[in-house]
Protein backbone atom coordinates (compact mmCIF):
# COMPACT_ATOMS: atom_id res chain seq x y z
CA MET A 1 -131.57 91.40 -174.33
CA SER A 2 -131.29 87.85 -175.08
CA ALA A 3 -128.93 85.24 -172.79
CA PRO A 4 -125.34 84.48 -175.35
CA ARG A 5 -125.93 81.38 -177.57
CA LEU A 6 -123.85 78.50 -176.42
CA THR A 7 -121.17 77.28 -178.47
CA VAL A 8 -121.27 74.09 -180.14
CA ARG A 9 -118.62 72.28 -177.81
CA ALA A 10 -120.48 73.57 -175.32
CA ARG A 11 -124.18 71.83 -176.42
CA LEU A 12 -122.31 68.86 -177.52
CA THR A 13 -121.30 68.22 -173.47
CA LEU A 14 -124.58 68.70 -172.91
CA LEU A 15 -126.18 66.35 -174.98
CA TYR A 16 -123.36 63.47 -174.47
CA THR A 17 -123.99 64.38 -170.62
CA GLY A 18 -127.39 64.10 -170.95
CA LEU A 19 -127.30 60.58 -173.18
CA PHE A 20 -124.53 58.71 -170.74
CA ALA A 21 -127.23 59.71 -167.77
CA ALA A 22 -130.08 58.33 -169.66
CA CYS A 23 -128.23 55.05 -171.03
CA GLY A 24 -126.95 54.72 -167.03
CA ALA A 25 -130.60 54.87 -165.45
CA ILE A 26 -131.63 52.69 -168.24
CA VAL A 27 -128.54 49.94 -167.20
CA VAL A 28 -129.87 50.42 -163.64
CA ALA A 29 -133.38 49.90 -164.20
CA VAL A 30 -132.67 46.49 -166.21
CA THR A 31 -130.47 45.39 -163.36
CA TYR A 32 -132.85 46.11 -160.59
CA ALA A 33 -135.50 44.17 -162.50
CA LEU A 34 -133.21 41.36 -163.27
CA VAL A 35 -132.04 41.05 -159.30
CA ALA A 36 -135.69 41.77 -158.28
CA SER A 37 -136.92 39.02 -160.38
CA LEU A 38 -134.58 36.58 -159.19
CA GLN A 39 -135.62 36.98 -155.33
CA HIS A 40 -138.81 35.65 -155.55
CA PRO A 41 -138.67 32.14 -157.29
CA PRO A 42 -141.45 29.92 -158.53
CA ALA A 43 -143.64 29.10 -155.40
CA SER A 44 -144.29 25.28 -156.28
CA THR A 45 -140.74 24.33 -155.05
CA GLY A 46 -141.61 21.44 -153.45
CA ASP A 47 -140.45 19.68 -149.97
CA VAL A 48 -137.03 18.30 -151.80
CA CYS A 49 -135.99 21.20 -152.86
CA SER A 50 -136.30 23.00 -149.90
CA GLN A 51 -134.49 20.03 -148.31
CA ARG A 52 -131.56 21.14 -150.78
CA VAL A 53 -131.41 24.69 -150.43
CA GLU A 54 -131.09 24.24 -146.39
CA ASN A 55 -128.39 21.58 -147.24
CA LEU A 56 -126.39 23.98 -148.63
CA ARG A 57 -127.12 26.41 -146.95
CA SER A 58 -125.93 24.82 -143.95
CA LYS A 59 -122.46 24.15 -146.07
CA CYS A 60 -121.88 27.71 -147.85
CA LYS A 61 -122.35 28.78 -143.56
CA GLY A 62 -119.73 26.18 -142.60
CA THR A 63 -117.22 26.94 -145.68
CA PHE A 64 -117.99 30.53 -145.05
CA LEU A 65 -116.71 30.76 -141.00
CA GLU A 66 -113.77 28.26 -142.37
CA ALA A 67 -112.57 30.63 -144.02
CA ALA A 68 -113.49 33.77 -142.02
CA ALA A 69 -111.26 32.13 -139.56
CA LEU A 70 -108.49 30.81 -141.58
CA GLY A 71 -108.82 34.96 -142.74
CA ALA A 72 -108.31 35.40 -139.22
CA ARG A 73 -105.53 33.87 -138.64
CA ILE A 74 -103.40 34.35 -141.36
CA GLN A 75 -104.18 38.64 -140.71
CA ARG A 76 -103.29 37.53 -137.14
CA GLU A 77 -99.99 36.42 -138.05
CA ALA A 78 -99.30 38.77 -140.54
CA THR A 79 -99.83 41.21 -137.85
CA LEU A 80 -97.36 39.79 -135.28
CA THR A 81 -95.00 39.22 -137.42
CA HIS A 82 -94.79 42.89 -138.56
CA LEU A 83 -94.62 43.90 -134.83
CA ASP A 84 -92.12 41.45 -133.99
CA GLY A 85 -90.04 42.67 -136.49
CA PRO A 86 -87.14 41.98 -138.90
CA ARG A 87 -85.07 39.97 -135.66
CA ALA A 88 -88.14 37.71 -134.78
CA GLN A 89 -87.83 36.51 -138.91
CA ARG A 90 -84.64 35.16 -138.73
CA PRO A 91 -84.49 31.17 -137.60
CA VAL A 92 -83.32 30.13 -134.34
CA ALA A 93 -80.41 28.30 -135.16
CA ASN A 94 -78.70 31.73 -136.87
CA THR A 95 -79.54 33.52 -133.86
CA SER A 96 -77.82 30.80 -131.06
CA GLN A 97 -74.77 30.60 -133.82
CA SER A 98 -74.12 34.10 -133.67
CA LYS A 99 -73.92 34.08 -130.00
CA LEU A 100 -71.22 31.64 -129.85
CA THR A 101 -68.86 33.34 -131.94
């Protein structure tokens, strides 16, 4: 006995699935080729260019470390404020005035 024939819906589903997978593979291959070509700059960059790259790299590293420290401080303050609860967020003047009355 032969296998039952696939319906038009099933055939179209398989066709579109195959086309989608093929297009996805093409996009991945093109992206990989473009990124790989950017990884290997020309060999004749020269000494001046390497100094500029090092300066830029050190500035970028310094900026990144500053931003990371700032982000860590903001996160720490937010966490501590959250842990202290809403009573810790009231101003000191309001707290002292409420004790007097």
